[in-house]
Structures are given as structure tokens and as C-alpha cells.
């Protein structure tokens, strides 16, 4: 009912999310090089097991056991560190989730013609951060937190329905970023 313009906008939004996830992936590589003094390519190759589970299930929690095992067996992270930090990261460190929430807020504001000021961007960053801390590591978890973001920005909650149509296409990428970040930070 909305025409091709809405679909084109959603495709651009989808492309921006994927691009942001790729940038975040490179940031993890830089972090690993600088702080852990490990080459990122072997790290990423060893991580394919849990990344595949995260991508397929779109659940950080489903990939958690495999991530801990790979961290211990293939990456040489101690059992104590990996058993504590990776689950804590799966709850508190959701980089992909934050990317998704932040970009969704900006996308919906632009789609509705709302000009965002510095204050709005500050609120968006704060609420996205709080949302990732309280968000669930389950498929579609961002759709539960997104209304909080929209409410804080003074945007209609019905706009979640627009994002919901492509959520399943975005979720595998953001979930993979989430769990990769947990292991990368634990390694560092």
C-alpha cells in the first residue's frame, strides 16, 4: 500500500545496516591486533563455528556454548575468563543490537520527516545503549526494545511495523556482530 518508495527506503536502510556491521567487524580486527597482539585473520577463521550458529539462529544465547568452547580450545582463552566474560558480554555487550537500534531510530525519523537535533541524537545514543543492556539475545529482540527508542524520540510506535518487515533479514548480521564482539573483547 505504500508503494515502491518505501521499499527503496527499506533496501537503503538494510544496506546501511550491513555496511555498519562490516565496519564493526573491521574494528574488531583492529582491536584484536592492537590489544591482544593477535592477527585478526586466524582469529576470524577460528570463530566461524559460533558465527555460523549465531547467523543461522539469530540468537546470541544459542551460540554461547559454542563460543565458549571455541574461545577455550581454539583461541587459548582461559576457562575462567571465557566462562565469565563471554556470557556477561552476551548480556551487556551487544554492538550489532546497538547499531540496529540507532540506525532504526534515524531511519524512522527521516521517513516521517522529523529533523533530529543534537539533543535527539544524544537521547538516541543513550536509549540505544540502555536498550542493548536490557535487550534479550533472542531472534527479534530489537523489535521489543525499539518502541522505547521511538517513544523517547517522540515518534509513533506504529513505525515499528515498517522495520518488522525486514527484521529477519537484518538479525543474522547483527547477532553475528554481537557474539563476535563478546569473544573479541574477552580475548583482548
N, C-alpha and C. Protein backbone atom coordinates (compact mmCIF):
# COMPACT_ATOMS: atom_id res chain seq x y z
N UNK A 1 0.81 -1.21 0.00
CA UNK A 1 0.00 0.00 0.00
C UNK A 1 0.85 1.27 0.00
N UNK A 2 2.12 1.16 0.35
CA UNK A 2 2.97 2.35 0.47
C UNK A 2 3.75 2.67 -0.81
N UNK A 3 3.76 1.74 -1.74
CA UNK A 3 4.46 1.99 -2.99
C UNK A 3 5.93 1.61 -2.94
N UNK A 4 6.59 1.79 -4.07
CA UNK A 4 7.99 1.40 -4.21
C UNK A 4 8.94 2.29 -3.41
N UNK A 5 8.54 3.53 -3.12
CA UNK A 5 9.43 4.42 -2.37
C UNK A 5 9.77 3.85 -1.00
N UNK A 6 8.78 3.25 -0.35
CA UNK A 6 9.02 2.65 0.96
C UNK A 6 9.97 1.47 0.83
N UNK A 7 9.77 0.66 -0.19
CA UNK A 7 10.64 -0.49 -0.41
C UNK A 7 12.07 -0.05 -0.71
N UNK A 8 12.22 1.00 -1.51
CA UNK A 8 13.56 1.53 -1.80
C UNK A 8 14.22 2.05 -0.52
N UNK A 9 13.46 2.74 0.30
CA UNK A 9 13.98 3.23 1.57
C UNK A 9 14.42 2.10 2.48
N UNK A 10 13.62 1.03 2.54
CA UNK A 10 13.98 -0.12 3.36
C UNK A 10 15.23 -0.83 2.84
N UNK A 11 15.37 -0.89 1.52
CA UNK A 11 16.58 -1.50 0.94
C UNK A 11 17.82 -0.68 1.28
N UNK A 12 17.70 0.64 1.25
CA UNK A 12 18.82 1.50 1.63
C UNK A 12 19.16 1.32 3.11
N UNK A 13 18.13 1.25 3.93
CA UNK A 13 18.31 1.03 5.36
C UNK A 13 19.02 -0.30 5.61
N UNK A 14 18.57 -1.34 4.92
CA UNK A 14 19.18 -2.67 5.03
C UNK A 14 20.66 -2.60 4.63
N UNK A 15 20.95 -1.95 3.52
CA UNK A 15 22.33 -1.80 3.06
C UNK A 15 23.19 -1.05 4.07
N UNK A 16 22.64 -0.03 4.68
CA UNK A 16 23.39 0.74 5.69
C UNK A 16 23.70 -0.11 6.92
N UNK A 17 22.74 -0.93 7.34
CA UNK A 17 22.97 -1.81 8.49
C UNK A 17 24.10 -2.80 8.16
N UNK A 18 24.04 -3.40 6.99
CA UNK A 18 25.07 -4.37 6.60
C UNK A 18 26.43 -3.68 6.54
N UNK A 19 26.48 -2.50 5.96
CA UNK A 19 27.72 -1.74 5.86
C UNK A 19 28.27 -1.43 7.25
N UNK A 20 27.41 -1.02 8.17
CA UNK A 20 27.84 -0.72 9.54
C UNK A 20 28.38 -1.98 10.23
N UNK A 21 27.76 -3.12 9.98
CA UNK A 21 28.23 -4.38 10.57
C UNK A 21 29.61 -4.75 10.02
N UNK A 22 29.84 -4.52 8.74
CA UNK A 22 31.16 -4.79 8.15
C UNK A 22 32.21 -3.88 8.78
N UNK A 23 31.87 -2.62 8.96
CA UNK A 23 32.81 -1.68 9.61
C UNK A 23 33.11 -2.15 11.03
N UNK A 24 32.08 -2.57 11.76
CA UNK A 24 32.29 -3.06 13.12
C UNK A 24 33.19 -4.28 13.13
N UNK A 25 33.04 -5.14 12.15
CA UNK A 25 33.88 -6.34 12.03
C UNK A 25 35.35 -5.94 11.88
N UNK A 26 35.61 -4.92 11.05
CA UNK A 26 36.98 -4.42 10.89
C UNK A 26 37.50 -3.79 12.17
N UNK A 27 36.63 -3.13 12.90
CA UNK A 27 37.02 -2.54 14.18
C UNK A 27 37.45 -3.64 15.16
N UNK A 28 36.72 -4.77 15.16
CA UNK A 28 37.14 -5.90 15.99
C UNK A 28 38.54 -6.38 15.60
N UNK A 29 38.79 -6.44 14.31
CA UNK A 29 40.12 -6.86 13.84
C UNK A 29 41.21 -5.93 14.31
N UNK A 30 40.95 -4.64 14.26
CA UNK A 30 41.92 -3.65 14.73
C UNK A 30 42.14 -3.80 16.24
N UNK A 31 41.04 -3.98 16.97
CA UNK A 31 41.12 -4.17 18.41
C UNK A 31 41.99 -5.38 18.77
N UNK A 32 41.75 -6.47 18.07
CA UNK A 32 42.48 -7.71 18.32
C UNK A 32 43.96 -7.52 18.03
N UNK A 33 44.27 -6.82 16.94
CA UNK A 33 45.67 -6.56 16.58
C UNK A 33 46.36 -5.69 17.63
N UNK A 34 45.69 -4.62 18.04
CA UNK A 34 46.32 -3.67 18.95
C UNK A 34 46.41 -4.17 20.39
N UNK A 35 45.34 -4.72 20.91
CA UNK A 35 45.28 -5.04 22.32
C UNK A 35 45.66 -6.49 22.65
N UNK A 36 45.33 -7.43 21.78
CA UNK A 36 45.65 -8.83 22.04
C UNK A 36 46.93 -9.26 21.32
N UNK A 37 47.41 -8.41 20.41
CA UNK A 37 48.62 -8.73 19.63
C UNK A 37 48.47 -10.05 18.88
N UNK A 38 47.29 -10.24 18.30
CA UNK A 38 46.97 -11.45 17.54
C UNK A 38 46.54 -11.01 16.15
N UNK A 39 46.92 -11.78 15.15
CA UNK A 39 46.50 -11.49 13.78
C UNK A 39 44.99 -11.75 13.66
N UNK A 40 44.23 -10.81 13.11
CA UNK A 40 42.79 -10.96 13.04
C UNK A 40 42.31 -12.09 12.11
N UNK A 41 43.02 -12.37 11.03
CA UNK A 41 42.55 -13.38 10.08
C UNK A 41 42.45 -14.77 10.71
N UNK A 42 43.49 -15.26 11.40
CA UNK A 42 43.34 -16.57 12.06
C UNK A 42 42.24 -16.54 13.13
N UNK A 43 42.11 -15.41 13.82
CA UNK A 43 41.05 -15.28 14.83
C UNK A 43 39.69 -15.48 14.18
N UNK A 44 39.43 -14.75 13.09
CA UNK A 44 38.12 -14.84 12.43
C UNK A 44 37.87 -16.23 11.84
N UNK A 45 38.91 -16.88 11.33
CA UNK A 45 38.74 -18.24 10.80
C UNK A 45 38.34 -19.21 11.91
N UNK A 46 38.95 -19.06 13.07
CA UNK A 46 38.64 -19.95 14.19
C UNK A 46 37.23 -19.68 14.75
N UNK A 47 36.72 -18.53 14.50
CA UNK A 47 35.41 -18.13 15.04
C UNK A 47 34.23 -18.51 14.15
N UNK A 48 34.49 -19.08 13.00
CA UNK A 48 33.40 -19.39 12.06
C UNK A 48 32.35 -20.33 12.65
N UNK A 49 32.73 -21.21 13.55
CA UNK A 49 31.79 -22.15 14.15
C UNK A 49 30.66 -21.47 14.89
N UNK A 50 31.01 -20.62 15.84
CA UNK A 50 29.96 -19.93 16.58
C UNK A 50 29.29 -18.83 15.77
N UNK A 51 30.02 -18.24 14.83
CA UNK A 51 29.41 -17.22 13.97
C UNK A 51 28.33 -17.84 13.09
N UNK A 52 28.57 -19.06 12.61
CA UNK A 52 27.57 -19.76 11.78
C UNK A 52 26.30 -20.05 12.57
N UNK A 53 26.47 -20.46 13.83
CA UNK A 53 25.30 -20.73 14.68
C UNK A 53 24.54 -19.43 14.93
N UNK A 54 25.26 -18.37 15.26
CA UNK A 54 24.62 -17.07 15.51
C UNK A 54 23.88 -16.58 14.27
N UNK A 55 24.51 -16.72 13.12
CA UNK A 55 23.89 -16.27 11.87
C UNK A 55 22.62 -17.07 11.56
N UNK A 56 22.68 -18.38 11.75
CA UNK A 56 21.55 -19.24 11.41
C UNK A 56 20.39 -19.13 12.39
N UNK A 57 20.71 -18.99 13.67
CA UNK A 57 19.65 -18.96 14.68
C UNK A 57 19.21 -17.56 15.06
N UNK A 58 20.00 -16.56 14.71
CA UNK A 58 19.80 -15.17 15.11
C UNK A 58 19.63 -15.05 16.63
N UNK A 59 20.38 -15.87 17.35
CA UNK A 59 20.32 -15.85 18.81
C UNK A 59 21.72 -15.92 19.39
N UNK A 60 22.11 -14.88 20.11
CA UNK A 60 23.41 -14.88 20.79
C UNK A 60 23.46 -15.98 21.83
N UNK A 61 22.34 -16.22 22.47
CA UNK A 61 22.29 -17.24 23.53
C UNK A 61 22.49 -18.65 22.95
N UNK A 62 21.99 -18.90 21.76
CA UNK A 62 22.14 -20.22 21.14
C UNK A 62 23.60 -20.50 20.77
N UNK A 63 24.35 -19.45 20.46
CA UNK A 63 25.75 -19.60 20.05
C UNK A 63 26.71 -19.54 21.23
N UNK A 64 26.19 -19.27 22.40
CA UNK A 64 27.03 -19.04 23.58
C UNK A 64 27.91 -20.22 23.94
N UNK A 65 27.35 -21.42 24.01
CA UNK A 65 28.13 -22.60 24.38
C UNK A 65 29.26 -22.88 23.41
N UNK A 66 28.97 -22.77 22.13
CA UNK A 66 30.00 -22.99 21.11
C UNK A 66 31.05 -21.90 21.16
N UNK A 67 30.64 -20.67 21.42
CA UNK A 67 31.60 -19.56 21.51
C UNK A 67 32.56 -19.78 22.67
N UNK A 68 32.05 -20.24 23.80
CA UNK A 68 32.91 -20.50 24.96
C UNK A 68 33.88 -21.64 24.65
N UNK A 69 33.39 -22.70 24.04
CA UNK A 69 34.24 -23.85 23.70
C UNK A 69 35.35 -23.44 22.72
N UNK A 70 34.99 -22.69 21.68
CA UNK A 70 35.99 -22.25 20.70
C UNK A 70 36.99 -21.30 21.34
N UNK A 71 36.51 -20.42 22.21
CA UNK A 71 37.41 -19.48 22.90
C UNK A 71 38.45 -20.24 23.71
N UNK A 72 38.04 -21.32 24.35
CA UNK A 72 38.96 -22.10 25.18
C UNK A 72 39.87 -22.99 24.33
N UNK A 73 39.27 -23.74 23.41
CA UNK A 73 40.03 -24.75 22.67
C UNK A 73 40.84 -24.19 21.51
N UNK A 74 40.31 -23.26 20.78
CA UNK A 74 41.00 -22.77 19.58
C UNK A 74 41.72 -21.44 19.77
N UNK A 75 41.20 -20.60 20.69
CA UNK A 75 41.80 -19.29 20.86
C UNK A 75 42.70 -19.20 22.08
N UNK A 76 42.67 -20.24 22.92
CA UNK A 76 43.56 -20.27 24.08
C UNK A 76 43.15 -19.36 25.22
N UNK A 77 41.91 -18.95 25.26
CA UNK A 77 41.43 -18.10 26.36
C UNK A 77 41.15 -19.02 27.55
N UNK A 78 41.54 -18.59 28.73
CA UNK A 78 41.37 -19.43 29.92
C UNK A 78 39.89 -19.74 30.17
N UNK A 79 39.66 -20.87 30.82
CA UNK A 79 38.30 -21.31 31.13
C UNK A 79 37.62 -20.29 32.05
N UNK A 80 38.35 -19.77 33.00
CA UNK A 80 37.79 -18.80 33.94
C UNK A 80 37.32 -17.54 33.21
N UNK A 81 38.18 -16.99 32.36
CA UNK A 81 37.84 -15.77 31.64
C UNK A 81 36.69 -15.99 30.66
N UNK A 82 36.79 -17.04 29.86
CA UNK A 82 35.76 -17.27 28.84
C UNK A 82 34.41 -17.64 29.46
N UNK A 83 34.41 -18.38 30.54
CA UNK A 83 33.15 -18.79 31.17
C UNK A 83 32.45 -17.63 31.87
N UNK A 84 33.21 -16.61 32.24
CA UNK A 84 32.61 -15.45 32.90
C UNK A 84 32.33 -14.31 31.93
N UNK A 85 33.32 -13.95 31.11
CA UNK A 85 33.22 -12.75 30.28
C UNK A 85 32.31 -12.92 29.05
N UNK A 86 32.35 -14.07 28.40
CA UNK A 86 31.53 -14.23 27.19
C UNK A 86 30.04 -14.22 27.53
N UNK A 87 29.56 -14.94 28.57
CA UNK A 87 28.14 -14.82 28.92
C UNK A 87 27.76 -13.40 29.38
N UNK A 88 28.68 -12.75 30.11
CA UNK A 88 28.39 -11.38 30.53
C UNK A 88 28.29 -10.47 29.30
N UNK A 89 29.18 -10.69 28.33
CA UNK A 89 29.14 -9.91 27.10
C UNK A 89 27.87 -10.17 26.31
N UNK A 90 27.38 -11.41 26.34
CA UNK A 90 26.14 -11.75 25.62
C UNK A 90 24.95 -11.01 26.20
N UNK A 91 25.07 -10.55 27.44
CA UNK A 91 24.00 -9.79 28.07
C UNK A 91 24.23 -8.29 27.95
N UNK A 92 25.48 -7.84 28.09
CA UNK A 92 25.76 -6.40 28.16
C UNK A 92 26.39 -5.81 26.91
N UNK A 93 27.12 -6.60 26.14
CA UNK A 93 27.89 -6.08 25.00
C UNK A 93 27.25 -6.50 23.69
N UNK A 94 26.28 -5.74 23.24
CA UNK A 94 25.58 -6.08 22.00
C UNK A 94 25.78 -4.97 20.97
N UNK A 95 26.94 -5.03 20.31
CA UNK A 95 27.28 -4.00 19.34
C UNK A 95 26.33 -3.98 18.15
N UNK A 96 26.01 -5.15 17.62
CA UNK A 96 25.10 -5.23 16.49
C UNK A 96 23.71 -4.73 16.84
N UNK A 97 23.26 -5.05 18.04
CA UNK A 97 21.97 -4.60 18.55
C UNK A 97 21.94 -3.07 18.60
N UNK A 98 23.03 -2.46 19.11
CA UNK A 98 23.11 -1.01 19.22
C UNK A 98 23.11 -0.36 17.83
N UNK A 99 23.82 -0.96 16.90
CA UNK A 99 23.82 -0.45 15.52
C UNK A 99 22.40 -0.45 14.97
N UNK A 100 21.72 -1.57 15.15
CA UNK A 100 20.35 -1.74 14.66
C UNK A 100 19.40 -0.71 15.28
N UNK A 101 19.44 -0.56 16.60
CA UNK A 101 18.54 0.37 17.27
C UNK A 101 18.81 1.81 16.85
N UNK A 102 20.08 2.18 16.83
CA UNK A 102 20.42 3.55 16.46
C UNK A 102 20.03 3.89 15.03
N UNK A 103 20.35 2.99 14.11
CA UNK A 103 20.02 3.25 12.71
C UNK A 103 18.51 3.20 12.47
N UNK A 104 17.81 2.37 13.22
CA UNK A 104 16.34 2.30 13.09
C UNK A 104 15.71 3.61 13.52
N UNK A 105 16.21 4.16 14.62
CA UNK A 105 15.68 5.45 15.09
C UNK A 105 15.88 6.55 14.08
N UNK A 106 17.07 6.62 13.50
CA UNK A 106 17.36 7.64 12.48
C UNK A 106 16.51 7.40 11.23
N UNK A 107 16.42 6.15 10.79
CA UNK A 107 15.64 5.82 9.60
C UNK A 107 14.18 6.21 9.76
N UNK A 108 13.58 5.86 10.88
CA UNK A 108 12.16 6.16 11.09
C UNK A 108 11.94 7.66 11.19
N UNK A 109 12.84 8.37 11.88
CA UNK A 109 12.72 9.82 11.96
C UNK A 109 12.78 10.45 10.57
N UNK A 110 13.72 9.99 9.76
CA UNK A 110 13.83 10.53 8.40
C UNK A 110 12.62 10.17 7.55
N UNK A 111 12.13 8.95 7.70
CA UNK A 111 10.97 8.52 6.92
C UNK A 111 9.74 9.34 7.26
N UNK A 112 9.64 9.78 8.51
CA UNK A 112 8.49 10.57 8.94
C UNK A 112 8.73 12.07 8.81
N UNK A 113 9.89 12.44 8.30
CA UNK A 113 10.19 13.85 8.07
C UNK A 113 10.57 14.63 9.31
N UNK A 114 10.96 13.95 10.38
CA UNK A 114 11.38 14.65 11.59
C UNK A 114 12.86 14.97 11.51
N UNK A 115 13.19 16.22 11.70
CA UNK A 115 14.59 16.64 11.73
C UNK A 115 15.12 16.40 13.14
N UNK A 116 16.19 15.67 13.22
CA UNK A 116 16.78 15.37 14.53
C UNK A 116 17.89 16.36 14.84
N UNK A 117 17.84 16.89 16.05
CA UNK A 117 18.88 17.80 16.52
C UNK A 117 19.90 17.05 17.36
N UNK A 118 20.85 17.78 17.88
CA UNK A 118 21.91 17.19 18.70
C UNK A 118 21.31 16.50 19.94
N UNK A 119 20.31 17.12 20.54
CA UNK A 119 19.64 16.54 21.71
C UNK A 119 19.02 15.18 21.35
N UNK A 120 18.36 15.12 20.20
CA UNK A 120 17.73 13.87 19.76
C UNK A 120 18.77 12.77 19.56
N UNK A 121 19.90 13.12 18.96
CA UNK A 121 20.95 12.12 18.75
C UNK A 121 21.52 11.64 20.10
N UNK A 122 21.65 12.56 21.05
CA UNK A 122 22.10 12.18 22.39
C UNK A 122 21.13 11.21 23.05
N UNK A 123 19.84 11.52 22.96
CA UNK A 123 18.81 10.63 23.51
C UNK A 123 18.86 9.27 22.80
N UNK A 124 19.03 9.29 21.49
CA UNK A 124 19.10 8.06 20.72
C UNK A 124 20.28 7.20 21.16
N UNK A 125 21.45 7.80 21.36
CA UNK A 125 22.62 7.05 21.81
C UNK A 125 22.40 6.48 23.21
N UNK A 126 21.86 7.28 24.10
CA UNK A 126 21.61 6.83 25.47
C UNK A 126 20.60 5.69 25.50
N UNK A 127 19.49 5.86 24.81
CA UNK A 127 18.44 4.84 24.82
C UNK A 127 18.88 3.57 24.10
N UNK A 128 19.68 3.70 23.04
CA UNK A 128 20.19 2.51 22.35
C UNK A 128 21.13 1.73 23.26
N UNK A 129 21.95 2.45 24.01
CA UNK A 129 22.86 1.79 24.94
C UNK A 129 22.08 1.09 26.04
N UNK A 130 21.11 1.78 26.64
CA UNK A 130 20.28 1.16 27.68
C UNK A 130 19.48 -0.01 27.12
N UNK A 131 19.00 0.14 25.89
CA UNK A 131 18.23 -0.92 25.26
C UNK A 131 19.03 -2.18 25.03
N UNK A 132 20.31 -2.02 24.70
CA UNK A 132 21.14 -3.21 24.47
C UNK A 132 21.47 -3.91 25.78
N UNK A 133 21.56 -3.17 26.85
CA UNK A 133 21.84 -3.79 28.15
C UNK A 133 20.63 -4.60 28.61
N UNK A 134 19.45 -4.07 28.37
CA UNK A 134 18.25 -4.76 28.82
C UNK A 134 17.62 -5.67 27.78
N UNK A 135 18.14 -5.64 26.58
CA UNK A 135 17.55 -6.43 25.50
C UNK A 135 17.88 -7.91 25.59
N UNK A 136 17.01 -8.70 25.05
CA UNK A 136 17.21 -10.16 25.06
C UNK A 136 18.02 -10.58 23.84
N UNK A 137 18.85 -11.60 24.02
CA UNK A 137 19.65 -12.12 22.92
C UNK A 137 18.90 -13.19 22.15
N UNK A 138 17.68 -12.87 21.77
CA UNK A 138 16.81 -13.82 21.07
C UNK A 138 16.41 -13.24 19.72
N UNK A 139 15.95 -14.09 18.79
CA UNK A 139 15.51 -13.55 17.50
C UNK A 139 14.40 -12.50 17.67
N UNK A 140 14.57 -11.39 16.99
CA UNK A 140 13.57 -10.33 17.04
C UNK A 140 13.62 -9.48 18.30
N UNK A 141 14.66 -9.63 19.09
CA UNK A 141 14.77 -8.89 20.35
C UNK A 141 14.76 -7.38 20.16
N UNK A 142 15.28 -6.90 19.06
CA UNK A 142 15.31 -5.46 18.80
C UNK A 142 13.91 -4.88 18.65
N UNK A 143 12.99 -5.67 18.14
CA UNK A 143 11.62 -5.18 17.95
C UNK A 143 10.91 -4.94 19.28
N UNK A 144 11.39 -5.59 20.33
CA UNK A 144 10.81 -5.38 21.65
C UNK A 144 11.32 -4.08 22.26
N UNK A 145 12.57 -3.73 21.98
CA UNK A 145 13.20 -2.55 22.55
C UNK A 145 12.96 -1.30 21.71
N UNK A 146 12.75 -1.46 20.42
CA UNK A 146 12.60 -0.33 19.50
C UNK A 146 11.48 0.64 19.90
N UNK A 147 10.34 0.18 20.40
CA UNK A 147 9.31 1.15 20.84
C UNK A 147 9.80 2.11 21.92
N UNK A 148 10.69 1.64 22.79
CA UNK A 148 11.25 2.52 23.82
C UNK A 148 12.05 3.65 23.17
N UNK A 149 12.81 3.32 22.14
CA UNK A 149 13.62 4.31 21.42
C UNK A 149 12.69 5.32 20.74
N UNK A 150 11.68 4.81 20.04
CA UNK A 150 10.76 5.70 19.32
C UNK A 150 10.01 6.61 20.27
N UNK A 151 9.60 6.07 21.40
CA UNK A 151 8.88 6.87 22.40
C UNK A 151 9.76 8.00 22.92
N UNK A 152 11.03 7.70 23.19
CA UNK A 152 11.96 8.72 23.69
C UNK A 152 12.20 9.82 22.65
N UNK A 153 12.09 9.47 21.38
CA UNK A 153 12.30 10.45 20.30
C UNK A 153 11.01 11.16 19.90
N UNK A 154 9.90 10.76 20.51
CA UNK A 154 8.62 11.37 20.17
C UNK A 154 8.08 10.90 18.83
N UNK A 155 8.43 9.70 18.43
CA UNK A 155 7.98 9.14 17.16
C UNK A 155 6.87 8.12 17.42
N UNK A 156 5.96 7.93 16.47
CA UNK A 156 4.86 6.99 16.68
C UNK A 156 5.35 5.54 16.76
N UNK A 157 4.80 4.80 17.71
CA UNK A 157 5.21 3.41 17.92
C UNK A 157 4.82 2.52 16.75
N UNK A 158 3.83 2.93 15.97
CA UNK A 158 3.38 2.13 14.83
C UNK A 158 4.47 1.97 13.78
N UNK A 159 5.49 2.83 13.82
CA UNK A 159 6.57 2.76 12.84
C UNK A 159 7.39 1.48 12.98
N UNK A 160 7.27 0.80 14.13
CA UNK A 160 7.97 -0.47 14.32
C UNK A 160 7.53 -1.47 13.26
N UNK A 161 6.29 -1.38 12.83
CA UNK A 161 5.76 -2.32 11.83
C UNK A 161 6.55 -2.25 10.52
N UNK A 162 7.03 -1.08 10.18
CA UNK A 162 7.81 -0.93 8.94
C UNK A 162 9.11 -1.71 9.05
N UNK A 163 9.79 -1.59 10.19
CA UNK A 163 11.05 -2.28 10.42
C UNK A 163 10.82 -3.79 10.57
N UNK A 164 9.70 -4.16 11.17
CA UNK A 164 9.41 -5.58 11.42
C UNK A 164 9.41 -6.40 10.13
N UNK A 165 9.07 -5.77 9.02
CA UNK A 165 9.02 -6.47 7.75
C UNK A 165 10.37 -6.98 7.28
N UNK A 166 11.45 -6.33 7.69
CA UNK A 166 12.78 -6.77 7.25
C UNK A 166 13.67 -7.19 8.42
N UNK A 167 13.10 -7.26 9.61
CA UNK A 167 13.88 -7.62 10.79
C UNK A 167 14.60 -8.95 10.63
N UNK A 168 13.93 -9.93 10.09
CA UNK A 168 14.52 -11.26 9.94
C UNK A 168 15.72 -11.26 8.99
N UNK A 169 15.79 -10.30 8.08
CA UNK A 169 16.92 -10.19 7.17
C UNK A 169 18.12 -9.48 7.81
N UNK A 170 17.85 -8.64 8.79
CA UNK A 170 18.90 -7.87 9.47
C UNK A 170 19.50 -8.65 10.63
N UNK A 171 18.64 -9.37 11.34
CA UNK A 171 19.01 -10.04 12.59
C UNK A 171 20.23 -10.96 12.49
N UNK A 172 20.40 -11.76 11.43
CA UNK A 172 21.59 -12.63 11.38
C UNK A 172 22.91 -11.85 11.43
N UNK A 173 22.96 -10.71 10.78
CA UNK A 173 24.18 -9.93 10.73
C UNK A 173 24.48 -9.27 12.08
N UNK A 174 23.46 -8.68 12.68
CA UNK A 174 23.68 -8.01 13.96
C UNK A 174 24.00 -9.02 15.07
N UNK A 175 23.38 -10.18 15.02
CA UNK A 175 23.66 -11.21 16.02
C UNK A 175 25.09 -11.72 15.89
N UNK A 176 25.56 -11.90 14.67
CA UNK A 176 26.94 -12.34 14.45
C UNK A 176 27.92 -11.31 14.99
N UNK A 177 27.62 -10.04 14.79
CA UNK A 177 28.46 -8.97 15.34
C UNK A 177 28.44 -9.02 16.87
N UNK A 178 27.27 -9.25 17.45
CA UNK A 178 27.15 -9.32 18.91
C UNK A 178 28.09 -10.38 19.50
N UNK A 179 27.99 -11.60 19.02
CA UNK A 179 28.75 -12.70 19.62
C UNK A 179 30.23 -12.61 19.28
N UNK A 180 30.56 -12.10 18.10
CA UNK A 180 31.96 -11.90 17.75
C UNK A 180 32.59 -10.85 18.65
N UNK A 181 31.83 -9.82 18.96
CA UNK A 181 32.32 -8.79 19.88
C UNK A 181 32.58 -9.33 21.26
N UNK A 182 31.72 -10.23 21.71
CA UNK A 182 31.90 -10.82 23.04
C UNK A 182 33.21 -11.58 23.13
N UNK A 183 33.51 -12.37 22.11
CA UNK A 183 34.74 -13.17 22.11
C UNK A 183 35.97 -12.26 21.89
N UNK A 184 35.84 -11.28 21.01
CA UNK A 184 36.96 -10.37 20.75
C UNK A 184 37.34 -9.59 22.00
N UNK A 185 36.35 -9.10 22.71
CA UNK A 185 36.63 -8.36 23.95
C UNK A 185 37.23 -9.28 25.00
N UNK A 186 36.74 -10.50 25.09
CA UNK A 186 37.30 -11.47 26.04
C UNK A 186 38.76 -11.77 25.70
N UNK A 187 39.07 -11.92 24.43
CA UNK A 187 40.45 -12.15 24.01
C UNK A 187 41.34 -10.97 24.37
N UNK A 188 40.83 -9.78 24.12
CA UNK A 188 41.63 -8.57 24.44
C UNK A 188 41.86 -8.44 25.93
